[in-house]
């Protein structure tokens, strides 16, 4: 039982880190997209 609880905790912590990472990537992507659009005159 103790091992199961520990595993769940690790999974949750990793998932939170993963979501933080994804959020960072998404905001970075949005920034890059904006820069590209400005560079290419609004074309995708």
PDB file of N, CA and C in Angstrom:
ATOM      1  N   UNK A   1       0.839  -1.200   0.000  1.00  0.00           N
ATOM      2  CA  UNK A   1       0.000   0.000   0.000  1.00  0.00           C
ATOM      3  C   UNK A   1       0.879   1.257   0.000  1.00  0.00           C
ATOM      4  N   UNK A   2       1.907   1.244   0.805  1.00  0.00           N
ATOM      5  CA  UNK A   2       2.784   2.405   0.876  1.00  0.00           C
ATOM      6  C   UNK A   2       3.408   2.698  -0.492  1.00  0.00           C
ATOM      7  N   UNK A   3       3.809   1.641  -1.179  1.00  0.00           N
ATOM      8  CA  UNK A   3       4.423   1.819  -2.498  1.00  0.00           C
ATOM      9  C   UNK A   3       3.438   2.450  -3.474  1.00  0.00           C
ATOM     10  N   UNK A   4       2.187   2.001  -3.428  1.00  0.00           N
ATOM     11  CA  UNK A   4       1.175   2.551  -4.339  1.00  0.00           C
ATOM     12  C   UNK A   4       1.005   4.050  -4.118  1.00  0.00           C
ATOM     13  N   UNK A   5       0.886   4.442  -2.856  1.00  0.00           N
ATOM     14  CA  UNK A   5       0.710   5.861  -2.537  1.00  0.00           C
ATOM     15  C   UNK A   5       1.911   6.659  -3.037  1.00  0.00           C
ATOM     16  N   UNK A   6       3.093   6.118  -2.823  1.00  0.00           N
ATOM     17  CA  UNK A   6       4.303   6.805  -3.251  1.00  0.00           C
ATOM     18  C   UNK A   6       4.315   6.958  -4.776  1.00  0.00           C
ATOM     19  N   UNK A   7       3.944   5.893  -5.477  1.00  0.00           N
ATOM     20  CA  UNK A   7       3.930   5.935  -6.939  1.00  0.00           C
ATOM     21  C   UNK A   7       2.952   7.000  -7.434  1.00  0.00           C
ATOM     22  N   UNK A   8       1.782   7.056  -6.794  1.00  0.00           N
ATOM     23  CA  UNK A   8       0.796   8.056  -7.198  1.00  0.00           C
ATOM     24  C   UNK A   8       1.342   9.458  -6.991  1.00  0.00           C
ATOM     25  N   UNK A   9       2.011   9.645  -5.885  1.00  0.00           N
ATOM     26  CA  UNK A   9       2.584  10.965  -5.590  1.00  0.00           C
ATOM     27  C   UNK A   9       3.587  11.364  -6.666  1.00  0.00           C
ATOM     28  N   UNK A  10       4.464  10.447  -7.014  1.00  0.00           N
ATOM     29  CA  UNK A  10       5.480  10.736  -8.028  1.00  0.00           C
ATOM     30  C   UNK A  10       4.805  11.060  -9.363  1.00  0.00           C
ATOM     31  N   UNK A  11       3.788  10.259  -9.704  1.00  0.00           N
ATOM     32  CA  UNK A  11       3.083  10.468 -10.963  1.00  0.00           C
ATOM     33  C   UNK A  11       2.467  11.864 -10.997  1.00  0.00           C
ATOM     34  N   UNK A  12       1.835  12.244  -9.883  1.00  0.00           N
ATOM     35  CA  UNK A  12       1.178  13.547  -9.806  1.00  0.00           C
ATOM     36  C   UNK A  12       2.204  14.671  -9.951  1.00  0.00           C
ATOM     37  N   UNK A  13       3.316  14.529  -9.256  1.00  0.00           N
ATOM     38  CA  UNK A  13       4.354  15.555  -9.322  1.00  0.00           C
ATOM     39  C   UNK A  13       4.885  15.663 -10.750  1.00  0.00           C
ATOM     40  N   UNK A  14       5.104  14.528 -11.372  1.00  0.00           N
ATOM     41  CA  UNK A  14       5.616  14.525 -12.738  1.00  0.00           C
ATOM     42  C   UNK A  14       4.597  15.150 -13.686  1.00  0.00           C
ATOM     43  N   UNK A  15       3.319  14.817 -13.462  1.00  0.00           N
ATOM     44  CA  UNK A  15       2.274  15.356 -14.328  1.00  0.00           C
ATOM     45  C   UNK A  15       2.216  16.875 -14.210  1.00  0.00           C
ATOM     46  N   UNK A  16       2.355  17.377 -12.985  1.00  0.00           N
ATOM     47  CA  UNK A  16       2.337  18.827 -12.785  1.00  0.00           C
ATOM     48  C   UNK A  16       3.513  19.457 -13.524  1.00  0.00           C
ATOM     49  N   UNK A  17       4.681  18.858 -13.394  1.00  0.00           N
ATOM     50  CA  UNK A  17       5.852  19.376 -14.095  1.00  0.00           C
ATOM     51  C   UNK A  17       5.620  19.334 -15.601  1.00  0.00           C
ATOM     52  N   UNK A  18       4.999  18.240 -16.058  1.00  0.00           N
ATOM     53  CA  UNK A  18       4.723  18.101 -17.485  1.00  0.00           C
ATOM     54  C   UNK A  18       3.804  19.214 -17.962  1.00  0.00           C
ATOM     55  N   UNK A  19       2.751  19.492 -17.181  1.00  0.00           N
ATOM     56  CA  UNK A  19       1.816  20.546 -17.580  1.00  0.00           C
ATOM     57  C   UNK A  19       2.490  21.911 -17.549  1.00  0.00           C
ATOM     58  N   UNK A  20       3.343  22.143 -16.555  1.00  0.00           N
ATOM     59  CA  UNK A  20       4.082  23.415 -16.510  1.00  0.00           C
ATOM     60  C   UNK A  20       4.939  23.548 -17.760  1.00  0.00           C
ATOM     61  N   UNK A  21       5.570  22.431 -18.147  1.00  0.00           N
ATOM     62  CA  UNK A  21       6.426  22.414 -19.332  1.00  0.00           C
ATOM     63  C   UNK A  21       5.602  22.698 -20.585  1.00  0.00           C
ATOM     64  N   UNK A  22       4.426  22.051 -20.666  1.00  0.00           N
ATOM     65  CA  UNK A  22       3.556  22.249 -21.830  1.00  0.00           C
ATOM     66  C   UNK A  22       3.095  23.704 -21.903  1.00  0.00           C
ATOM     67  N   UNK A  23       2.734  24.272 -20.749  1.00  0.00           N
ATOM     68  CA  UNK A  23       2.305  25.680 -20.728  1.00  0.00           C
ATOM     69  C   UNK A  23       3.433  26.569 -21.238  1.00  0.00           C
ATOM     70  N   UNK A  24       4.654  26.278 -20.784  1.00  0.00           N
ATOM     71  CA  UNK A  24       5.810  27.060 -21.217  1.00  0.00           C
ATOM     72  C   UNK A  24       5.989  26.943 -22.725  1.00  0.00           C
ATOM     73  N   UNK A  25       5.893  25.720 -23.232  1.00  0.00           N
ATOM     74  CA  UNK A  25       6.044  25.508 -24.670  1.00  0.00           C
ATOM     75  C   UNK A  25       4.968  26.250 -25.443  1.00  0.00           C
ATOM     76  N   UNK A  26       3.726  26.197 -24.946  1.00  0.00           N
ATOM     77  CA  UNK A  26       2.626  26.838 -25.664  1.00  0.00           C
ATOM     78  C   UNK A  26       2.825  28.342 -25.712  1.00  0.00           C
ATOM     79  N   UNK A  27       3.235  28.939 -24.603  1.00  0.00           N
ATOM     80  CA  UNK A  27       3.435  30.385 -24.609  1.00  0.00           C
ATOM     81  C   UNK A  27       4.622  30.736 -25.503  1.00  0.00           C
ATOM     82  N   UNK A  28       5.636  29.867 -25.539  1.00  0.00           N
ATOM     83  CA  UNK A  28       6.780  30.091 -26.422  1.00  0.00           C
ATOM     84  C   UNK A  28       6.336  29.983 -27.879  1.00  0.00           C
ATOM     85  N   UNK A  29       5.530  28.942 -28.184  1.00  0.00           N
ATOM     86  CA  UNK A  29       5.013  28.771 -29.540  1.00  0.00           C
ATOM     87  C   UNK A  29       4.212  29.990 -29.969  1.00  0.00           C
ATOM     88  N   UNK A  30       3.366  30.485 -29.071  1.00  0.00           N
ATOM     89  CA  UNK A  30       2.541  31.645 -29.390  1.00  0.00           C
ATOM     90  C   UNK A  30       3.435  32.842 -29.704  1.00  0.00           C
ATOM     91  N   UNK A  31       4.488  33.002 -28.936  1.00  0.00           N
ATOM     92  CA  UNK A  31       5.421  34.103 -29.154  1.00  0.00           C
ATOM     93  C   UNK A  31       6.110  33.952 -30.507  1.00  0.00           C
ATOM     94  N   UNK A  32       6.558  32.737 -30.821  1.00  0.00           N
ATOM     95  CA  UNK A  32       7.229  32.482 -32.101  1.00  0.00           C
ATOM     96  C   UNK A  32       6.259  32.705 -33.252  1.00  0.00           C
ATOM     97  N   UNK A  33       5.012  32.222 -33.090  1.00  0.00           N
ATOM     98  CA  UNK A  33       3.999  32.419 -34.127  1.00  0.00           C
ATOM     99  C   UNK A  33       3.808  33.904 -34.399  1.00  0.00           C
ATOM    100  N   UNK A  34       3.687  34.677 -33.340  1.00  0.00           N
ATOM    101  CA  UNK A  34       3.472  36.113 -33.477  1.00  0.00           C
ATOM    102  C   UNK A  34       4.660  36.739 -34.218  1.00  0.00           C
ATOM    103  N   UNK A  35       5.875  36.353 -33.847  1.00  0.00           N
ATOM    104  CA  UNK A  35       7.061  36.902 -34.488  1.00  0.00           C
ATOM    105  C   UNK A  35       7.091  36.526 -35.966  1.00  0.00           C
ATOM    106  N   UNK A  36       6.740  35.272 -36.269  1.00  0.00           N
ATOM    107  CA  UNK A  36       6.730  34.825 -37.665  1.00  0.00           C
ATOM    108  C   UNK A  36       5.717  35.623 -38.466  1.00  0.00           C
ATOM    109  N   UNK A  37       4.521  35.815 -37.895  1.00  0.00           N
ATOM    110  CA  UNK A  37       3.475  36.539 -38.615  1.00  0.00           C
ATOM    111  C   UNK A  37       3.918  37.972 -38.880  1.00  0.00           C
ATOM    112  N   UNK A  38       4.540  38.586 -37.898  1.00  0.00           N
ATOM    113  CA  UNK A  38       5.011  39.955 -38.088  1.00  0.00           C
ATOM    114  C   UNK A  38       6.102  39.977 -39.159  1.00  0.00           C
ATOM    115  N   UNK A  39       6.973  38.980 -39.140  1.00  0.00           N
ATOM    116  CA  UNK A  39       8.079  38.925 -40.096  1.00  0.00           C
ATOM    117  C   UNK A  39       7.565  38.698 -41.513  1.00  0.00           C
ATOM    118  N   UNK A  40       6.580  37.808 -41.654  1.00  0.00           N
ATOM    119  CA  UNK A  40       6.067  37.481 -42.988  1.00  0.00           C
ATOM    120  C   UNK A  40       4.891  38.373 -43.380  1.00  0.00           C
ATOM    121  N   UNK A  41       4.677  39.452 -42.669  1.00  0.00           N
ATOM    122  CA  UNK A  41       3.623  40.387 -43.045  1.00  0.00           C
ATOM    123  C   UNK A  41       2.230  39.832 -42.823  1.00  0.00           C
ATOM    124  N   UNK A  42       2.049  39.035 -41.779  1.00  0.00           N
ATOM    125  CA  UNK A  42       0.718  38.555 -41.433  1.00  0.00           C
ATOM    126  C   UNK A  42       0.360  37.232 -42.085  1.00  0.00           C
ATOM    127  N   UNK A  43       1.222  36.697 -42.937  1.00  0.00           N
ATOM    128  CA  UNK A  43       0.916  35.395 -43.543  1.00  0.00           C
ATOM    129  C   UNK A  43       1.327  34.276 -42.604  1.00  0.00           C
ATOM    130  N   UNK A  44       0.530  33.212 -42.566  1.00  0.00           N
ATOM    131  CA  UNK A  44       0.851  32.086 -41.681  1.00  0.00           C
ATOM    132  C   UNK A  44       2.088  31.323 -42.140  1.00  0.00           C
TER     133      UNK A  44
END
